[in-house]
Amino acid sequence: MRWHDPDWRGLPIHEADIAAAAVAALLSDGHHGRAYDLLPGEIPEFSAEEWDAALIPLPTVEEVTGRPARRYASWAVDHAADFR
């Protein structure tokens, strides 16, 4: 299953990590002409209990920004109100 499949449940990445990687790539030296994948294209399926323990995005966010990507639990807390 791939990201364009309507049943795909990809690894979520916090939008703040996407923004931080974009800012670093645009404003820091050494990124000209580079393209970064923030998530793998295909992933195994995980149970709800396995998500936070197993969720490890590609190391790209840390490589570009100098700090690790946020965990799924952080995204869930930040977006809890969206599901109420």
PDB file of N, CA and C in Angstrom:
ATOM      1  N   MET A   1       0.843  -1.179   0.000  1.00  0.00           N
ATOM      2  CA  MET A   1       0.000   0.000   0.000  1.00  0.00           C
ATOM      3  C   MET A   1       0.890   1.245   0.000  1.00  0.00           C
ATOM      4  N   ARG A   2       0.535   2.231  -0.743  1.00  0.00           N
ATOM      5  CA  ARG A   2       1.333   3.453  -0.853  1.00  0.00           C
ATOM      6  C   ARG A   2       0.514   4.654  -0.409  1.00  0.00           C
ATOM      7  N   TRP A   3       1.147   5.799  -0.290  1.00  0.00           N
ATOM      8  CA  TRP A   3       0.490   7.004   0.228  1.00  0.00           C
ATOM      9  C   TRP A   3      -0.723   7.403  -0.580  1.00  0.00           C
ATOM     10  N   HIS A   4      -0.768   7.105  -1.877  1.00  0.00           N
ATOM     11  CA  HIS A   4      -1.883   7.531  -2.704  1.00  0.00           C
ATOM     12  C   HIS A   4      -3.070   6.569  -2.634  1.00  0.00           C
ATOM     13  N   ASP A   5      -2.903   5.437  -1.980  1.00  0.00           N
ATOM     14  CA  ASP A   5      -3.993   4.486  -1.792  1.00  0.00           C
ATOM     15  C   ASP A   5      -4.920   5.021  -0.699  1.00  0.00           C
ATOM     16  N   PRO A   6      -6.234   5.060  -0.920  1.00  0.00           N
ATOM     17  CA  PRO A   6      -7.143   5.637   0.080  1.00  0.00           C
ATOM     18  C   PRO A   6      -7.156   4.885   1.407  1.00  0.00           C
ATOM     19  N   ASP A   7      -6.704   3.629   1.420  1.00  0.00           N
ATOM     20  CA  ASP A   7      -6.665   2.866   2.669  1.00  0.00           C
ATOM     21  C   ASP A   7      -5.315   2.947   3.366  1.00  0.00           C
ATOM     22  N   TRP A   8      -4.388   3.687   2.782  1.00  0.00           N
ATOM     23  CA  TRP A   8      -3.049   3.765   3.349  1.00  0.00           C
ATOM     24  C   TRP A   8      -3.057   4.517   4.661  1.00  0.00           C
ATOM     25  N   ARG A   9      -2.401   3.961   5.628  1.00  0.00           N
ATOM     26  CA  ARG A   9      -2.216   4.639   6.920  1.00  0.00           C
ATOM     27  C   ARG A   9      -0.719   4.762   7.129  1.00  0.00           C
ATOM     28  N   GLY A  10      -0.161   5.815   6.608  1.00  0.00           N
ATOM     29  CA  GLY A  10       1.276   6.011   6.667  1.00  0.00           C
ATOM     30  C   GLY A  10       1.741   6.496   8.019  1.00  0.00           C
ATOM     31  N   LEU A  11       3.034   6.529   8.151  1.00  0.00           N
ATOM     32  CA  LEU A  11       3.601   7.050   9.381  1.00  0.00           C
ATOM     33  C   LEU A  11       3.327   8.537   9.454  1.00  0.00           C
ATOM     34  N   PRO A  12       2.626   8.972  10.460  1.00  0.00           N
ATOM     35  CA  PRO A  12       2.377  10.406  10.558  1.00  0.00           C
ATOM     36  C   PRO A  12       3.652  11.142  10.946  1.00  0.00           C
ATOM     37  N   ILE A  13       3.763  12.333  10.479  1.00  0.00           N
ATOM     38  CA  ILE A  13       4.878  13.189  10.879  1.00  0.00           C
ATOM     39  C   ILE A  13       4.268  14.512  11.312  1.00  0.00           C
ATOM     40  N   HIS A  14       4.753  15.019  12.393  1.00  0.00           N
ATOM     41  CA  HIS A  14       4.220  16.266  12.942  1.00  0.00           C
ATOM     42  C   HIS A  14       4.484  17.394  11.950  1.00  0.00           C
ATOM     43  N   GLU A  15       3.465  18.181  11.696  1.00  0.00           N
ATOM     44  CA  GLU A  15       3.625  19.280  10.729  1.00  0.00           C
ATOM     45  C   GLU A  15       4.688  20.273  11.163  1.00  0.00           C
ATOM     46  N   ALA A  16       4.943  20.378  12.460  1.00  0.00           N
ATOM     47  CA  ALA A  16       6.013  21.256  12.939  1.00  0.00           C
ATOM     48  C   ALA A  16       7.381  20.728  12.516  1.00  0.00           C
ATOM     49  N   ASP A  17       7.530  19.403  12.421  1.00  0.00           N
ATOM     50  CA  ASP A  17       8.782  18.826  11.934  1.00  0.00           C
ATOM     51  C   ASP A  17       8.963  19.092  10.443  1.00  0.00           C
ATOM     52  N   ILE A  18       7.872  19.013   9.685  1.00  0.00           N
ATOM     53  CA  ILE A  18       7.943  19.335   8.253  1.00  0.00           C
ATOM     54  C   ILE A  18       8.357  20.795   8.082  1.00  0.00           C
ATOM     55  N   ALA A  19       7.743  21.671   8.859  1.00  0.00           N
ATOM     56  CA  ALA A  19       8.065  23.097   8.782  1.00  0.00           C
ATOM     57  C   ALA A  19       9.506  23.361   9.197  1.00  0.00           C
ATOM     58  N   ALA A  20       9.958  22.722  10.269  1.00  0.00           N
ATOM     59  CA  ALA A  20      11.333  22.930  10.747  1.00  0.00           C
ATOM     60  C   ALA A  20      12.347  22.455   9.713  1.00  0.00           C
ATOM     61  N   ALA A  21      12.069  21.316   9.081  1.00  0.00           N
ATOM     62  CA  ALA A  21      12.975  20.817   8.047  1.00  0.00           C
ATOM     63  C   ALA A  21      12.991  21.759   6.845  1.00  0.00           C
ATOM     64  N   ALA A  22      11.820  22.287   6.476  1.00  0.00           N
ATOM     65  CA  ALA A  22      11.754  23.221   5.348  1.00  0.00           C
ATOM     66  C   ALA A  22      12.519  24.506   5.648  1.00  0.00           C
ATOM     67  N   VAL A  23      12.335  25.048   6.832  1.00  0.00           N
ATOM     68  CA  VAL A  23      13.031  26.283   7.213  1.00  0.00           C
ATOM     69  C   VAL A  23      14.542  26.052   7.206  1.00  0.00           C
ATOM     70  N   ALA A  24      14.974  24.951   7.819  1.00  0.00           N
ATOM     71  CA  ALA A  24      16.408  24.663   7.852  1.00  0.00           C
ATOM     72  C   ALA A  24      16.968  24.479   6.446  1.00  0.00           C
ATOM     73  N   ALA A  25      16.229  23.766   5.594  1.00  0.00           N
ATOM     74  CA  ALA A  25      16.705  23.532   4.227  1.00  0.00           C
ATOM     75  C   ALA A  25      16.761  24.818   3.418  1.00  0.00           C
ATOM     76  N   LEU A  26      15.823  25.715   3.667  1.00  0.00           N
ATOM     77  CA  LEU A  26      15.784  26.973   2.915  1.00  0.00           C
ATOM     78  C   LEU A  26      16.782  28.011   3.433  1.00  0.00           C
ATOM     79  N   LEU A  27      17.036  28.008   4.722  1.00  0.00           N
ATOM     80  CA  LEU A  27      17.843  29.077   5.313  1.00  0.00           C
ATOM     81  C   LEU A  27      19.255  28.678   5.716  1.00  0.00           C
ATOM     82  N   SER A  28      19.565  27.385   5.710  1.00  0.00           N
ATOM     83  CA  SER A  28      20.893  26.930   6.114  1.00  0.00           C
ATOM     84  C   SER A  28      21.707  26.546   4.897  1.00  0.00           C
ATOM     85  N   ASP A  29      23.005  26.642   5.027  1.00  0.00           N
ATOM     86  CA  ASP A  29      23.903  26.255   3.941  1.00  0.00           C
ATOM     87  C   ASP A  29      23.913  24.738   3.763  1.00  0.00           C
ATOM     88  N   GLY A  30      24.239  24.300   2.558  1.00  0.00           N
ATOM     89  CA  GLY A  30      24.442  22.891   2.282  1.00  0.00           C
ATOM     90  C   GLY A  30      23.223  22.125   1.797  1.00  0.00           C
ATOM     91  N   HIS A  31      22.127  22.810   1.543  1.00  0.00           N
ATOM     92  CA  HIS A  31      20.914  22.117   1.125  1.00  0.00           C
ATOM     93  C   HIS A  31      20.530  22.408  -0.332  1.00  0.00           C
ATOM     94  N   HIS A  32      21.267  23.279  -0.986  1.00  0.00           N
ATOM     95  CA  HIS A  32      20.929  23.666  -2.356  1.00  0.00           C
ATOM     96  C   HIS A  32      20.902  22.445  -3.279  1.00  0.00           C
ATOM     97  N   GLY A  33      19.795  22.295  -4.011  1.00  0.00           N
ATOM     98  CA  GLY A  33      19.662  21.215  -4.971  1.00  0.00           C
ATOM     99  C   GLY A  33      19.341  19.861  -4.371  1.00  0.00           C
ATOM    100  N   ARG A  34      19.122  19.794  -3.080  1.00  0.00           N
ATOM    101  CA  ARG A  34      18.824  18.523  -2.423  1.00  0.00           C
ATOM    102  C   ARG A  34      17.333  18.350  -2.260  1.00  0.00           C
ATOM    103  N   ALA A  35      16.895  17.107  -2.214  1.00  0.00           N
ATOM    104  CA  ALA A  35      15.503  16.753  -1.921  1.00  0.00           C
ATOM    105  C   ALA A  35      15.532  15.767  -0.764  1.00  0.00           C
ATOM    106  N   TYR A  36      14.600  15.918   0.152  1.00  0.00           N
ATOM    107  CA  TYR A  36      14.584  15.085   1.350  1.00  0.00           C
ATOM    108  C   TYR A  36      13.290  14.292   1.451  1.00  0.00           C
ATOM    109  N   ASP A  37      13.423  13.013   1.774  1.00  0.00           N
ATOM    110  CA  ASP A  37      12.271  12.185   2.108  1.00  0.00           C
ATOM    111  C   ASP A  37      12.134  12.205   3.618  1.00  0.00           C
ATOM    112  N   LEU A  38      10.973  12.595   4.090  1.00  0.00           N
ATOM    113  CA  LEU A  38      10.755  12.620   5.532  1.00  0.00           C
ATOM    114  C   LEU A  38      10.130  11.320   6.037  1.00  0.00           C
ATOM    115  N   LEU A  39       9.532  10.549   5.144  1.00  0.00           N
ATOM    116  CA  LEU A  39       8.912   9.272   5.508  1.00  0.00           C
ATOM    117  C   LEU A  39       9.198   8.232   4.445  1.00  0.00           C
ATOM    118  N   PRO A  40       9.270   6.945   4.863  1.00  0.00           N
ATOM    119  CA  PRO A  40       9.415   5.898   3.838  1.00  0.00           C
ATOM    120  C   PRO A  40       8.136   5.751   3.029  1.00  0.00           C
ATOM    121  N   GLY A  41       8.241   5.264   1.815  1.00  0.00           N
ATOM    122  CA  GLY A  41       7.083   5.119   0.940  1.00  0.00           C
ATOM    123  C   GLY A  41       6.162   3.981   1.327  1.00  0.00           C
ATOM    124  N   GLU A  42       6.693   2.895   1.856  1.00  0.00           N
ATOM    125  CA  GLU A  42       5.862   1.777   2.282  1.00  0.00           C
ATOM    126  C   GLU A  42       6.258   1.401   3.701  1.00  0.00           C
ATOM    127  N   ILE A  43       5.275   1.012   4.495  1.00  0.00           N
ATOM    128  CA  ILE A  43       5.528   0.647   5.883  1.00  0.00           C
ATOM    129  C   ILE A  43       4.689  -0.567   6.245  1.00  0.00           C
ATOM    130  N   PRO A  44       5.119  -1.308   7.256  1.00  0.00           N
ATOM    131  CA  PRO A  44       4.272  -2.400   7.732  1.00  0.00           C
ATOM    132  C   PRO A  44       3.100  -1.835   8.523  1.00  0.00           C
ATOM    133  N   GLU A  45       2.053  -2.629   8.682  1.00  0.00           N
ATOM    134  CA  GLU A  45       0.921  -2.188   9.494  1.00  0.00           C
ATOM    135  C   GLU A  45       1.234  -2.451  10.961  1.00  0.00           C
ATOM    136  N   PHE A  46       0.801  -1.528  11.815  1.00  0.00           N
ATOM    137  CA  PHE A  46       1.015  -1.642  13.248  1.00  0.00           C
ATOM    138  C   PHE A  46      -0.323  -1.585  13.956  1.00  0.00           C
ATOM    139  N   SER A  47      -0.402  -2.247  15.093  1.00  0.00           N
ATOM    140  CA  SER A  47      -1.585  -2.102  15.934  1.00  0.00           C
ATOM    141  C   SER A  47      -1.507  -0.749  16.625  1.00  0.00           C
ATOM    142  N   ALA A  48      -2.608  -0.301  17.168  1.00  0.00           N
ATOM    143  CA  ALA A  48      -2.622   0.987  17.870  1.00  0.00           C
ATOM    144  C   ALA A  48      -1.610   1.004  19.008  1.00  0.00           C
ATOM    145  N   GLU A  49      -1.438  -0.114  19.673  1.00  0.00           N
ATOM    146  CA  GLU A  49      -0.500  -0.193  20.802  1.00  0.00           C
ATOM    147  C   GLU A  49       0.956  -0.104  20.351  1.00  0.00           C
ATOM    148  N   GLU A  50       1.225  -0.503  19.109  1.00  0.00           N
ATOM    149  CA  GLU A  50       2.601  -0.502  18.612  1.00  0.00           C
ATOM    150  C   GLU A  50       3.040   0.829  18.025  1.00  0.00           C
ATOM    151  N   TRP A  51       2.079   1.717  17.711  1.00  0.00           N
ATOM    152  CA  TRP A  51       2.422   2.954  16.998  1.00  0.00           C
ATOM    153  C   TRP A  51       3.507   3.765  17.672  1.00  0.00           C
ATOM    154  N   ASP A  52       3.302   4.168  18.921  1.00  0.00           N
ATOM    155  CA  ASP A  52       4.262   5.078  19.538  1.00  0.00           C
ATOM    156  C   ASP A  52       5.614   4.425  19.738  1.00  0.00           C
ATOM    157  N   ALA A  53       5.622   3.155  20.112  1.00  0.00           N
ATOM    158  CA  ALA A  53       6.889   2.468  20.330  1.00  0.00           C
ATOM    159  C   ALA A  53       7.635   2.245  19.019  1.00  0.00           C
ATOM    160  N   ALA A  54       6.905   1.971  17.952  1.00  0.00           N
ATOM    161  CA  ALA A  54       7.537   1.626  16.681  1.00  0.00           C
ATOM    162  C   ALA A  54       7.711   2.810  15.751  1.00  0.00           C
ATOM    163  N   LEU A  55       7.048   3.922  16.026  1.00  0.00           N
ATOM    164  CA  LEU A  55       7.067   5.048  15.104  1.00  0.00           C
ATOM    165  C   LEU A  55       8.402   5.770  15.154  1.00  0.00           C
ATOM    166  N   ILE A  56       9.161   5.562  14.129  1.00  0.00           N
ATOM    167  CA  ILE A  56      10.438   6.254  14.010  1.00  0.00           C
ATOM    168  C   ILE A  56      10.545   6.721  12.570  1.00  0.00           C
ATOM    169  N   PRO A  57      10.250   8.008  12.286  1.00  0.00           N
ATOM    170  CA  PRO A  57      10.401   8.511  10.913  1.00  0.00           C
ATOM    171  C   PRO A  57      11.850   8.411  10.465  1.00  0.00           C
ATOM    172  N   LEU A  58      12.060   8.516   9.179  1.00  0.00           N
ATOM    173  CA  LEU A  58      13.429   8.553   8.686  1.00  0.00           C
ATOM    174  C   LEU A  58      14.203   9.615   9.457  1.00  0.00           C
ATOM    175  N   PRO A  59      15.510   9.466   9.581  1.00  0.00           N
ATOM    176  CA  PRO A  59      16.296  10.423  10.360  1.00  0.00           C
ATOM    177  C   PRO A  59      16.464  11.778   9.682  1.00  0.00           C
ATOM    178  N   THR A  60      15.741  12.021   8.607  1.00  0.00           N
ATOM    179  CA  THR A  60      15.914  13.245   7.836  1.00  0.00           C
ATOM    180  C   THR A  60      15.654  14.486   8.663  1.00  0.00           C
ATOM    181  N   VAL A  61      14.606  14.504   9.480  1.00  0.00           N
ATOM    182  CA  VAL A  61      14.307  15.697  10.280  1.00  0.00           C
ATOM    183  C   VAL A  61      15.511  16.043  11.151  1.00  0.00           C
ATOM    184  N   GLU A  62      16.082  15.046  11.809  1.00  0.00           N
ATOM    185  CA  GLU A  62      17.245  15.312  12.663  1.00  0.00           C
ATOM    186  C   GLU A  62      18.463  15.726  11.850  1.00  0.00           C
ATOM    187  N   GLU A  63      18.659  15.106  10.695  1.00  0.00           N
ATOM    188  CA  GLU A  63      19.796  15.467   9.854  1.00  0.00           C
ATOM    189  C   GLU A  63      19.701  16.906   9.362  1.00  0.00           C
ATOM    190  N   VAL A  64      18.483  17.356   9.036  1.00  0.00           N
ATOM    191  CA  VAL A  64      18.308  18.699   8.490  1.00  0.00           C
ATOM    192  C   VAL A  64      18.230  19.753   9.585  1.00  0.00           C
ATOM    193  N   THR A  65      17.515  19.439  10.685  1.00  0.00           N
ATOM    194  CA  THR A  65      17.277  20.451  11.719  1.00  0.00           C
ATOM    195  C   THR A  65      18.229  20.372  12.905  1.00  0.00           C
ATOM    196  N   GLY A  66      18.876  19.219  13.082  1.00  0.00           N
ATOM    197  CA  GLY A  66      19.770  19.061  14.225  1.00  0.00           C
ATOM    198  C   GLY A  66      19.066  18.577  15.479  1.00  0.00           C
ATOM    199  N   ARG A  67      17.778  18.251  15.392  1.00  0.00           N
ATOM    200  CA  ARG A  67      17.056  17.709  16.541  1.00  0.00           C
ATOM    201  C   ARG A  67      16.137  16.590  16.064  1.00  0.00           C
ATOM    202  N   PRO A  68      15.861  15.611  16.935  1.00  0.00           N
ATOM    203  CA  PRO A  68      15.024  14.479  16.515  1.00  0.00           C
ATOM    204  C   PRO A  68      13.600  14.895  16.183  1.00  0.00           C
ATOM    205  N   ALA A  69      12.952  14.098  15.348  1.00  0.00           N
ATOM    206  CA  ALA A  69      11.542  14.332  15.025  1.00  0.00           C
ATOM    207  C   ALA A  69      10.691  14.088  16.273  1.00  0.00           C
ATOM    208  N   ARG A  70       9.562  14.753  16.317  1.00  0.00           N
ATOM    209  CA  ARG A  70       8.629  14.547  17.423  1.00  0.00           C
ATOM    210  C   ARG A  70       8.007  13.158  17.314  1.00  0.00           C
ATOM    211  N   ARG A  71       7.654  12.586  18.447  1.00  0.00           N
ATOM    212  CA  ARG A  71       7.011  11.279  18.488  1.00  0.00           C
ATOM    213  C   ARG A  71       5.526  11.410  18.155  1.00  0.00           C
ATOM    214  N   TYR A  72       4.921  10.304  17.780  1.00  0.00           N
ATOM    215  CA  TYR A  72       3.491  10.283  17.472  1.00  0.00           C
ATOM    216  C   TYR A  72       2.669  10.784  18.650  1.00  0.00           C
ATOM    217  N   ALA A  73       3.071  10.451  19.860  1.00  0.00           N
ATOM    218  CA  ALA A  73       2.333  10.890  21.053  1.00  0.00           C
ATOM    219  C   ALA A  73       2.266  12.414  21.122  1.00  0.00           C
ATOM    220  N   SER A  74       3.321  13.082  20.708  1.00  0.00           N
ATOM    221  CA  SER A  74       3.323  14.546  20.697  1.00  0.00           C
ATOM    222  C   SER A  74       2.299  15.076  19.711  1.00  0.00           C
ATOM    223  N   TRP A  75       2.238  14.482  18.518  1.00  0.00           N
ATOM    224  CA  TRP A  75       1.241  14.894  17.526  1.00  0.00           C
ATOM    225  C   TRP A  75      -0.162  14.652  18.061  1.00  0.00           C
ATOM    226  N   ALA A  76      -0.383  13.504  18.686  1.00  0.00           N
ATOM    227  CA  ALA A  76      -1.707  13.168  19.205  1.00  0.00           C
ATOM    228  C   ALA A  76      -2.158  14.170  20.270  1.00  0.00           C
ATOM    229  N   VAL A  77      -1.266  14.550  21.154  1.00  0.00           N
ATOM    230  CA  VAL A  77      -1.602  15.553  22.179  1.00  0.00           C
ATOM    231  C   VAL A  77      -1.909  16.892  21.526  1.00  0.00           C
ATOM    232  N   ASP A  78      -1.092  17.294  20.581  1.00  0.00           N
ATOM    233  CA  ASP A  78      -1.287  18.575  19.906  1.00  0.00           C
ATOM    234  C   ASP A  78      -2.588  18.637  19.113  1.00  0.00           C
ATOM    235  N   HIS A  79      -3.108  17.485  18.674  1.00  0.00           N
ATOM    236  CA  HIS A  79      -4.300  17.460  17.815  1.00  0.00           C
ATOM    237  C   HIS A  79      -5.526  16.829  18.474  1.00  0.00           C
ATOM    238  N   ALA A  80      -5.460  16.576  19.754  1.00  0.00           N
ATOM    239  CA  ALA A  80      -6.592  15.940  20.448  1.00  0.00           C
ATOM    240  C   ALA A  80      -7.884  16.711  20.250  1.00  0.00           C
ATOM    241  N   ALA A  81      -7.828  18.023  20.286  1.00  0.00           N
ATOM    242  CA  ALA A  81      -9.035  18.831  20.138  1.00  0.00           C
ATOM    243  C   ALA A  81      -9.649  18.684  18.742  1.00  0.00           C
ATOM    244  N   ASP A  82      -8.847  18.325  17.755  1.00  0.00           N
ATOM    245  CA  ASP A  82      -9.366  18.141  16.394  1.00  0.00           C
ATOM    246  C   ASP A  82     -10.317  16.965  16.289  1.00  0.00           C
ATOM    247  N   PHE A  83     -10.273  16.064  17.254  1.00  0.00           N
ATOM    248  CA  PHE A  83     -11.082  14.851  17.198  1.00  0.00           C
ATOM    249  C   PHE A  83     -12.235  14.861  18.196  1.00  0.00           C
ATOM    250  N   ARG A  84     -12.469  15.995  18.799  1.00  0.00           N
ATOM    251  CA  ARG A  84     -13.579  16.100  19.764  1.00  0.00           C
ATOM    252  C   ARG A  84     -14.785  16.673  19.114  1.00  0.00           C
TER     253      ARG A  84
END
